[in-house]
PDB file of N, CA and C in Angstrom:
ATOM      1  N   UNK A   1     133.429-101.958 -83.699  1.00  0.00           N
ATOM      2  CA  UNK A   1     132.550-102.456 -84.737  1.00  0.00           C
ATOM      3  C   UNK A   1     131.716-103.603 -84.181  1.00  0.00           C
ATOM      4  N   UNK A   2     130.502-103.649 -84.575  1.00  0.00           N
ATOM      5  CA  UNK A   2     129.657-104.735 -84.121  1.00  0.00           C
ATOM      6  C   UNK A   2     129.930-105.991 -84.943  1.00  0.00           C
ATOM      7  N   UNK A   3     129.462-107.096 -84.430  1.00  0.00           N
ATOM      8  CA  UNK A   3     129.694-108.383 -85.108  1.00  0.00           C
ATOM      9  C   UNK A   3     129.020-108.414 -86.480  1.00  0.00           C
ATOM     10  N   UNK A   4     127.885-107.778 -86.613  1.00  0.00           N
ATOM     11  CA  UNK A   4     127.170-107.769 -87.891  1.00  0.00           C
ATOM     12  C   UNK A   4     127.987-107.033 -88.952  1.00  0.00           C
ATOM     13  N   UNK A   5     128.588-105.899 -88.583  1.00  0.00           N
ATOM     14  CA  UNK A   5     129.406-105.148 -89.541  1.00  0.00           C
ATOM     15  C   UNK A   5     130.642-105.933 -89.963  1.00  0.00           C
ATOM     16  N   UNK A   6     131.269-106.620 -89.026  1.00  0.00           N
ATOM     17  CA  UNK A   6     132.459-107.404 -89.358  1.00  0.00           C
ATOM     18  C   UNK A   6     132.089-108.515 -90.332  1.00  0.00           C
ATOM     19  N   UNK A   7     130.994-109.204 -90.072  1.00  0.00           N
ATOM     20  CA  UNK A   7     130.556-110.276 -90.970  1.00  0.00           C
ATOM     21  C   UNK A   7     130.203-109.712 -92.343  1.00  0.00           C
ATOM     22  N   UNK A   8     129.558-108.541 -92.352  1.00  0.00           N
ATOM     23  CA  UNK A   8     129.161-107.938 -93.626  1.00  0.00           C
ATOM     24  C   UNK A   8     130.388-107.550 -94.451  1.00  0.00           C
ATOM     25  N   UNK A   9     131.383-106.931 -93.810  1.00  0.00           N
ATOM     26  CA  UNK A   9     132.582-106.525 -94.536  1.00  0.00           C
ATOM     27  C   UNK A   9     133.411-107.733 -94.970  1.00  0.00           C
ATOM     28  N   UNK A  10     133.495-108.737 -94.117  1.00  0.00           N
ATOM     29  CA  UNK A  10     134.257-109.933 -94.472  1.00  0.00           C
ATOM     30  C   UNK A  10     133.608-110.658 -95.635  1.00  0.00           C
ATOM     31  N   UNK A  11     132.303-110.816 -95.571  1.00  0.00           N
ATOM     32  CA  UNK A  11     131.635-111.497 -96.678  1.00  0.00           C
ATOM     33  C   UNK A  11     131.724-110.682 -97.964  1.00  0.00           C
ATOM     34  N   UNK A  12     131.685-109.361 -97.854  1.00  0.00           N
ATOM     35  CA  UNK A  12     131.861-108.513 -99.033  1.00  0.00           C
ATOM     36  C   UNK A  12     133.234-108.673 -99.643  1.00  0.00           C
ATOM     37  N   UNK A  13     134.262-108.787 -98.789  1.00  0.00           N
ATOM     38  CA  UNK A  13     135.624-108.991 -99.279  1.00  0.00           C
ATOM     39  C   UNK A  13     135.753-110.344 -99.959  1.00  0.00           C
ATOM     40  N   UNK A  14     135.173-111.363 -99.369  1.00  0.00           N
ATOM     41  CA  UNK A  14     135.236-112.701 -99.967  1.00  0.00           C
ATOM     42  C   UNK A  14     134.525-112.722-101.314  1.00  0.00           C
ATOM     43  N   UNK A  15     133.366-112.087-101.399  1.00  0.00           N
ATOM     44  CA  UNK A  15     132.626-112.048-102.664  1.00  0.00           C
ATOM     45  C   UNK A  15     133.411-111.274-103.720  1.00  0.00           C
ATOM     46  N   UNK A  16     134.048-110.176-103.326  1.00  0.00           N
ATOM     47  CA  UNK A  16     134.857-109.392-104.266  1.00  0.00           C
ATOM     48  C   UNK A  16     136.036-110.211-104.786  1.00  0.00           C
ATOM     49  N   UNK A  17     136.727-110.908-103.888  1.00  0.00           N
ATOM     50  CA  UNK A  17     137.864-111.732-104.306  1.00  0.00           C
ATOM     51  C   UNK A  17     137.393-112.855-105.217  1.00  0.00           C
ATOM     52  N   UNK A  18     136.279-113.487-104.861  1.00  0.00           N
ATOM     53  CA  UNK A  18     135.748-114.565-105.699  1.00  0.00           C
ATOM     54  C   UNK A  18     135.336-114.030-107.062  1.00  0.00           C
ATOM     55  N   UNK A  19     134.732-112.842-107.105  1.00  0.00           N
ATOM     56  CA  UNK A  19     134.335-112.249-108.385  1.00  0.00           C
ATOM     57  C   UNK A  19     135.533-111.903-109.245  1.00  0.00           C
ATOM     58  N   UNK A  20     136.549-111.327-108.642  1.00  0.00           N
ATOM     59  CA  UNK A  20     137.764-111.021-109.396  1.00  0.00           C
ATOM     60  C   UNK A  20     138.466-112.298-109.836  1.00  0.00           C
ATOM     61  N   UNK A  21     138.419-113.297-108.995  1.00  0.00           N
ATOM     62  CA  UNK A  21     139.057-114.567-109.319  1.00  0.00           C
ATOM     63  C   UNK A  21     138.376-115.226-110.513  1.00  0.00           C
ATOM     64  N   UNK A  22     137.095-115.081-110.625  1.00  0.00           N
ATOM     65  CA  UNK A  22     136.352-115.714-111.715  1.00  0.00           C
ATOM     66  C   UNK A  22     136.650-115.042-113.059  1.00  0.00           C
ATOM     67  N   UNK A  23     136.870-113.749-113.037  1.00  0.00           N
ATOM     68  CA  UNK A  23     137.032-113.007-114.290  1.00  0.00           C
ATOM     69  C   UNK A  23     138.477-112.719-114.663  1.00  0.00           C
ATOM     70  N   UNK A  24     139.405-112.933-113.758  1.00  0.00           N
ATOM     71  CA  UNK A  24     140.779-112.566-114.060  1.00  0.00           C
ATOM     72  C   UNK A  24     141.727-113.710-113.725  1.00  0.00           C
ATOM     73  N   UNK A  25     142.418-114.194-114.727  1.00  0.00           N
ATOM     74  CA  UNK A  25     143.386-115.265-114.537  1.00  0.00           C
ATOM     75  C   UNK A  25     144.566-114.780-113.705  1.00  0.00           C
ATOM     76  N   UNK A  26     144.977-113.528-113.889  1.00  0.00           N
ATOM     77  CA  UNK A  26     146.121-112.998-113.163  1.00  0.00           C
ATOM     78  C   UNK A  26     145.829-112.855-111.679  1.00  0.00           C
ATOM     79  N   UNK A  27     144.626-112.457-111.335  1.00  0.00           N
ATOM     80  CA  UNK A  27     144.253-112.372-109.927  1.00  0.00           C
ATOM     81  C   UNK A  27     144.273-113.768-109.311  1.00  0.00           C
ATOM     82  N   UNK A  28     143.809-114.741-110.071  1.00  0.00           N
ATOM     83  CA  UNK A  28     143.849-116.118-109.601  1.00  0.00           C
ATOM     84  C   UNK A  28     145.288-116.558-109.335  1.00  0.00           C
ATOM     85  N   UNK A  29     146.184-116.256-110.242  1.00  0.00           N
ATOM     86  CA  UNK A  29     147.591-116.615-110.061  1.00  0.00           C
ATOM     87  C   UNK A  29     148.195-115.900-108.858  1.00  0.00           C
ATOM     88  N   UNK A  30     147.851-114.638-108.657  1.00  0.00           N
ATOM     89  CA  UNK A  30     148.360-113.904-107.503  1.00  0.00           C
ATOM     90  C   UNK A  30     147.849-114.490-106.196  1.00  0.00           C
ATOM     91  N   UNK A  31     146.589-114.887-106.158  1.00  0.00           N
ATOM     92  CA  UNK A  31     146.036-115.477-104.944  1.00  0.00           C
ATOM     93  C   UNK A  31     146.669-116.832-104.643  1.00  0.00           C
ATOM     94  N   UNK A  32     146.915-117.627-105.669  1.00  0.00           N
ATOM     95  CA  UNK A  32     147.587-118.911-105.461  1.00  0.00           C
ATOM     96  C   UNK A  32     149.018-118.679-104.976  1.00  0.00           C
ATOM     97  N   UNK A  33     149.705-117.704-105.570  1.00  0.00           N
ATOM     98  CA  UNK A  33     151.069-117.389-105.135  1.00  0.00           C
ATOM     99  C   UNK A  33     151.081-116.899-103.699  1.00  0.00           C
ATOM    100  N   UNK A  34     150.128-116.081-103.323  1.00  0.00           N
ATOM    101  CA  UNK A  34     150.025-115.597-101.941  1.00  0.00           C
ATOM    102  C   UNK A  34     149.781-116.754-100.988  1.00  0.00           C
ATOM    103  N   UNK A  35     148.909-117.663-101.357  1.00  0.00           N
ATOM    104  CA  UNK A  35     148.622-118.811-100.499  1.00  0.00           C
ATOM    105  C   UNK A  35     149.859-119.693-100.330  1.00  0.00           C
ATOM    106  N   UNK A  36     150.579-119.947-101.415  1.00  0.00           N
ATOM    107  CA  UNK A  36     151.790-120.765-101.336  1.00  0.00           C
ATOM    108  C   UNK A  36     152.877-120.084-100.518  1.00  0.00           C
ATOM    109  N   UNK A  37     153.061-118.783-100.724  1.00  0.00           N
ATOM    110  CA  UNK A  37     154.051-118.046 -99.953  1.00  0.00           C
ATOM    111  C   UNK A  37     153.705-118.073 -98.472  1.00  0.00           C
ATOM    112  N   UNK A  38     152.434-117.894 -98.155  1.00  0.00           N
ATOM    113  CA  UNK A  38     152.005-117.921 -96.761  1.00  0.00           C
ATOM    114  C   UNK A  38     152.259-119.285 -96.149  1.00  0.00           C
ATOM    115  N   UNK A  39     151.978-120.341 -96.880  1.00  0.00           N
ATOM    116  CA  UNK A  39     152.198-121.690 -96.383  1.00  0.00           C
ATOM    117  C   UNK A  39     153.682-121.967 -96.152  1.00  0.00           C
ATOM    118  N   UNK A  40     154.526-121.603 -97.099  1.00  0.00           N
ATOM    119  CA  UNK A  40     155.966-121.820 -96.955  1.00  0.00           C
ATOM    120  C   UNK A  40     156.522-120.987 -95.804  1.00  0.00           C
ATOM    121  N   UNK A  41     156.078-119.728 -95.688  1.00  0.00           N
ATOM    122  CA  UNK A  41     156.551-118.877 -94.602  1.00  0.00           C
ATOM    123  C   UNK A  41     156.117-119.440 -93.257  1.00  0.00           C
ATOM    124  N   UNK A  42     154.907-119.962 -93.164  1.00  0.00           N
ATOM    125  CA  UNK A  42     154.420-120.547 -91.924  1.00  0.00           C
ATOM    126  C   UNK A  42     155.238-121.772 -91.542  1.00  0.00           C
ATOM    127  N   UNK A  43     155.550-122.608 -92.520  1.00  0.00           N
ATOM    128  CA  UNK A  43     156.352-123.804 -92.240  1.00  0.00           C
ATOM    129  C   UNK A  43     157.755-123.418 -91.771  1.00  0.00           C
ATOM    130  N   UNK A  44     158.368-122.448 -92.426  1.00  0.00           N
ATOM    131  CA  UNK A  44     159.704-122.002 -92.017  1.00  0.00           C
ATOM    132  C   UNK A  44     159.685-121.349 -90.636  1.00  0.00           C
ATOM    133  N   UNK A  45     158.660-120.564 -90.358  1.00  0.00           N
ATOM    134  CA  UNK A  45     158.549-119.934 -89.044  1.00  0.00           C
ATOM    135  C   UNK A  45     158.360-120.981 -87.955  1.00  0.00           C
ATOM    136  N   UNK A  46     157.546-121.987 -88.214  1.00  0.00           N
ATOM    137  CA  UNK A  46     157.361-123.053 -87.226  1.00  0.00           C
ATOM    138  C   UNK A  46     158.641-123.858 -87.023  1.00  0.00           C
ATOM    139  N   UNK A  47     159.393-124.084 -88.095  1.00  0.00           N
ATOM    140  CA  UNK A  47     160.666-124.800 -87.966  1.00  0.00           C
ATOM    141  C   UNK A  47     161.663-123.992 -87.137  1.00  0.00           C
ATOM    142  N   UNK A  48     161.722-122.688 -87.367  1.00  0.00           N
ATOM    143  CA  UNK A  48     162.625-121.836 -86.586  1.00  0.00           C
ATOM    144  C   UNK A  48     162.189-121.805 -85.124  1.00  0.00           C
ATOM    145  N   UNK A  49     160.889-121.712 -84.895  1.00  0.00           N
ATOM    146  CA  UNK A  49     160.387-121.715 -83.519  1.00  0.00           C
ATOM    147  C   UNK A  49     160.715-123.037 -82.836  1.00  0.00           C
ATOM    148  N   UNK A  50     160.558-124.141 -83.548  1.00  0.00           N
ATOM    149  CA  UNK A  50     160.864-125.451 -82.966  1.00  0.00           C
ATOM    150  C   UNK A  50     162.350-125.564 -82.636  1.00  0.00           C
ATOM    151  N   UNK A  51     163.215-125.038 -83.503  1.00  0.00           N
ATOM    152  CA  UNK A  51     164.655-125.097 -83.242  1.00  0.00           C
ATOM    153  C   UNK A  51     165.016-124.279 -82.002  1.00  0.00           C
ATOM    154  N   UNK A  52     164.463-123.084 -81.886  1.00  0.00           N
ATOM    155  CA  UNK A  52     164.751-122.241 -80.718  1.00  0.00           C
ATOM    156  C   UNK A  52     164.186-122.881 -79.454  1.00  0.00           C
ATOM    157  N   UNK A  53     162.984-123.438 -79.545  1.00  0.00           N
ATOM    158  CA  UNK A  53     162.379-124.074 -78.386  1.00  0.00           C
ATOM    159  C   UNK A  53     163.186-125.295 -77.940  1.00  0.00           C
ATOM    160  N   UNK A  54     163.645-126.115 -78.885  1.00  0.00           N
ATOM    161  CA  UNK A  54     164.455-127.273 -78.523  1.00  0.00           C
ATOM    162  C   UNK A  54     165.790-126.861 -77.914  1.00  0.00           C
ATOM    163  N   UNK A  55     166.387-125.791 -78.442  1.00  0.00           N
ATOM    164  CA  UNK A  55     167.631-125.286 -77.843  1.00  0.00           C
ATOM    165  C   UNK A  55     167.387-124.830 -76.416  1.00  0.00           C
ATOM    166  N   UNK A  56     166.309-124.078 -76.216  1.00  0.00           N
ATOM    167  CA  UNK A  56     165.984-123.588 -74.869  1.00  0.00           C
ATOM    168  C   UNK A  56     165.710-124.751 -73.931  1.00  0.00           C
ATOM    169  N   UNK A  57     164.967-125.756 -74.384  1.00  0.00           N
ATOM    170  CA  UNK A  57     164.654-126.912 -73.547  1.00  0.00           C
ATOM    171  C   UNK A  57     165.915-127.685 -73.185  1.00  0.00           C
ATOM    172  N   UNK A  58     166.836-127.804 -74.140  1.00  0.00           N
ATOM    173  CA  UNK A  58     168.086-128.506 -73.832  1.00  0.00           C
ATOM    174  C   UNK A  58     168.921-127.726 -72.825  1.00  0.00           C
ATOM    175  N   UNK A  59     168.912-126.408 -72.919  1.00  0.00           N
ATOM    176  CA  UNK A  59     169.626-125.585 -71.931  1.00  0.00           C
ATOM    177  C   UNK A  59     169.014-125.760 -70.540  1.00  0.00           C
ATOM    178  N   UNK A  60     167.692-125.762 -70.472  1.00  0.00           N
ATOM    179  CA  UNK A  60     167.029-125.943 -69.183  1.00  0.00           C
ATOM    180  C   UNK A  60     167.329-127.318 -68.596  1.00  0.00           C
ATOM    181  N   UNK A  61     167.314-128.329 -69.439  1.00  0.00           N
ATOM    182  CA  UNK A  61     167.613-129.683 -68.986  1.00  0.00           C
ATOM    183  C   UNK A  61     169.055-129.786 -68.515  1.00  0.00           C
ATOM    184  N   UNK A  62     169.966-129.154 -69.230  1.00  0.00           N
ATOM    185  CA  UNK A  62     171.377-129.190 -68.832  1.00  0.00           C
ATOM    186  C   UNK A  62     171.589-128.460 -67.521  1.00  0.00           C
ATOM    187  N   UNK A  63     170.872-127.358 -67.305  1.00  0.00           N
ATOM    188  CA  UNK A  63     171.026-126.630 -66.049  1.00  0.00           C
ATOM    189  C   UNK A  63     170.498-127.416 -64.863  1.00  0.00           C
ATOM    190  N   UNK A  64     169.489-128.247 -65.078  1.00  0.00           N
ATOM    191  CA  UNK A  64     168.917-129.021 -63.976  1.00  0.00           C
ATOM    192  C   UNK A  64     169.646-130.325 -63.731  1.00  0.00           C
ATOM    193  N   UNK A  65     170.474-130.729 -64.666  1.00  0.00           N
ATOM    194  CA  UNK A  65     171.212-131.979 -64.475  1.00  0.00           C
ATOM    195  C   UNK A  65     172.603-131.675 -63.921  1.00  0.00           C
ATOM    196  N   UNK A  66     173.435-132.688 -63.878  1.00  0.00           N
ATOM    197  CA  UNK A  66     174.742-132.558 -63.233  1.00  0.00           C
ATOM    198  C   UNK A  66     175.753-131.758 -64.023  1.00  0.00           C
ATOM    199  N   UNK A  67     176.956-131.617 -63.448  1.00  0.00           N
ATOM    200  CA  UNK A  67     178.001-130.800 -64.077  1.00  0.00           C
ATOM    201  C   UNK A  67     178.554-131.388 -65.375  1.00  0.00           C
ATOM    202  N   UNK A  68     178.402-132.682 -65.594  1.00  0.00           N
ATOM    203  CA  UNK A  68     178.934-133.269 -66.833  1.00  0.00           C
ATOM    204  C   UNK A  68     178.230-132.698 -68.050  1.00  0.00           C
ATOM    205  N   UNK A  69     176.914-132.510 -67.966  1.00  0.00           N
ATOM    206  CA  UNK A  69     176.199-131.958 -69.115  1.00  0.00           C
ATOM    207  C   UNK A  69     176.524-130.480 -69.308  1.00  0.00           C
ATOM    208  N   UNK A  70     176.832-129.776 -68.235  1.00  0.00           N
ATOM    209  CA  UNK A  70     177.238-128.373 -68.382  1.00  0.00           C
ATOM    210  C   UNK A  70     178.549-128.273 -69.140  1.00  0.00           C
ATOM    211  N   UNK A  71     179.424-129.243 -68.925  1.00  0.00           N
ATOM    212  CA  UNK A  71     180.679-129.257 -69.669  1.00  0.00           C
ATOM    213  C   UNK A  71     180.414-129.479 -71.156  1.00  0.00           C
ATOM    214  N   UNK A  72     179.437-130.303 -71.472  1.00  0.00           N
ATOM    215  CA  UNK A  72     179.078-130.535 -72.871  1.00  0.00           C
ATOM    216  C   UNK A  72     178.518-129.261 -73.492  1.00  0.00           C
ATOM    217  N   UNK A  73     177.702-128.526 -72.734  1.00  0.00           N
ATOM    218  CA  UNK A  73     177.148-127.254 -73.228  1.00  0.00           C
ATOM    219  C   UNK A  73     178.270-126.251 -73.483  1.00  0.00           C
ATOM    220  N   UNK A  74     179.217-126.149 -72.564  1.00  0.00           N
ATOM    221  CA  UNK A  74     180.350-125.233 -72.741  1.00  0.00           C
ATOM    222  C   UNK A  74     181.157-125.647 -73.965  1.00  0.00           C
ATOM    223  N   UNK A  75     181.373-126.947 -74.129  1.00  0.00           N
ATOM    224  CA  UNK A  75     182.114-127.440 -75.297  1.00  0.00           C
ATOM    225  C   UNK A  75     181.382-127.110 -76.596  1.00  0.00           C
ATOM    226  N   UNK A  76     180.064-127.315 -76.626  1.00  0.00           N
ATOM    227  CA  UNK A  76     179.311-127.020 -77.844  1.00  0.00           C
ATOM    228  C   UNK A  76     179.313-125.525 -78.144  1.00  0.00           C
ATOM    229  N   UNK A  77     179.256-124.692 -77.113  1.00  0.00           N
ATOM    230  CA  UNK A  77     179.335-123.237 -77.338  1.00  0.00           C
ATOM    231  C   UNK A  77     180.676-122.845 -77.927  1.00  0.00           C
ATOM    232  N   UNK A  78     181.749-123.500 -77.482  1.00  0.00           N
ATOM    233  CA  UNK A  78     183.071-123.222 -78.048  1.00  0.00           C
ATOM    234  C   UNK A  78     183.121-123.611 -79.527  1.00  0.00           C
ATOM    235  N   UNK A  79     182.518-124.754 -79.856  1.00  0.00           N
ATOM    236  CA  UNK A  79     182.492-125.173 -81.255  1.00  0.00           C
ATOM    237  C   UNK A  79     181.704-124.207 -82.108  1.00  0.00           C
ATOM    238  N   UNK A  80     180.558-123.754 -81.608  1.00  0.00           N
ATOM    239  CA  UNK A  80     179.734-122.803 -82.356  1.00  0.00           C
ATOM    240  C   UNK A  80     180.483-121.488 -82.531  1.00  0.00           C
ATOM    241  N   UNK A  81     181.177-121.040 -81.482  1.00  0.00           N
ATOM    242  CA  UNK A  81     181.935-119.796 -81.577  1.00  0.00           C
ATOM    243  C   UNK A  81     183.081-119.931 -82.577  1.00  0.00           C
ATOM    244  N   UNK A  82     183.690-121.117 -82.635  1.00  0.00           N
ATOM    245  CA  UNK A  82     184.788-121.334 -83.582  1.00  0.00           C
ATOM    246  C   UNK A  82     184.282-121.281 -85.021  1.00  0.00           C
ATOM    247  N   UNK A  83     183.102-121.809 -85.278  1.00  0.00           N
ATOM    248  CA  UNK A  83     182.540-121.767 -86.628  1.00  0.00           C
ATOM    249  C   UNK A  83     182.001-120.382 -86.987  1.00  0.00           C
ATOM    250  N   UNK A  84     181.641-119.604 -85.986  1.00  0.00           N
ATOM    251  CA  UNK A  84     181.086-118.278 -86.251  1.00  0.00           C
ATOM    252  C   UNK A  84     182.163-117.279 -86.646  1.00  0.00           C
ATOM    253  N   UNK A  85     183.382-117.523 -86.239  1.00  0.00           N
ATOM    254  CA  UNK A  85     184.468-116.605 -86.595  1.00  0.00           C
ATOM    255  C   UNK A  85     184.793-116.728 -88.083  1.00  0.00           C
ATOM    256  N   UNK A  86     185.133-115.596 -88.724  1.00  0.00           N
ATOM    257  CA  UNK A  86     185.475-115.657 -90.163  1.00  0.00           C
ATOM    258  C   UNK A  86     186.823-116.259 -90.442  1.00  0.00           C
TER     259      UNK A  86
END
């Protein structure tokens, strides 16, 4: 698709949504709910990504440091495994 067609279809979609939003209260409520859900999902996804990234970074740091930190990692894995069991 050319850039002109993409702009034309996108602007048509925006105008349609704006027109429906002006005439329908329920469409307005659905769009607000969609926006809020998207925002909350994005925040939760970023929090999960940050947690995984921090875990990975701590593992990398522990692997590059001395054996004392490796013992701490092994100990923490044992604690996590103990809590994971039913």
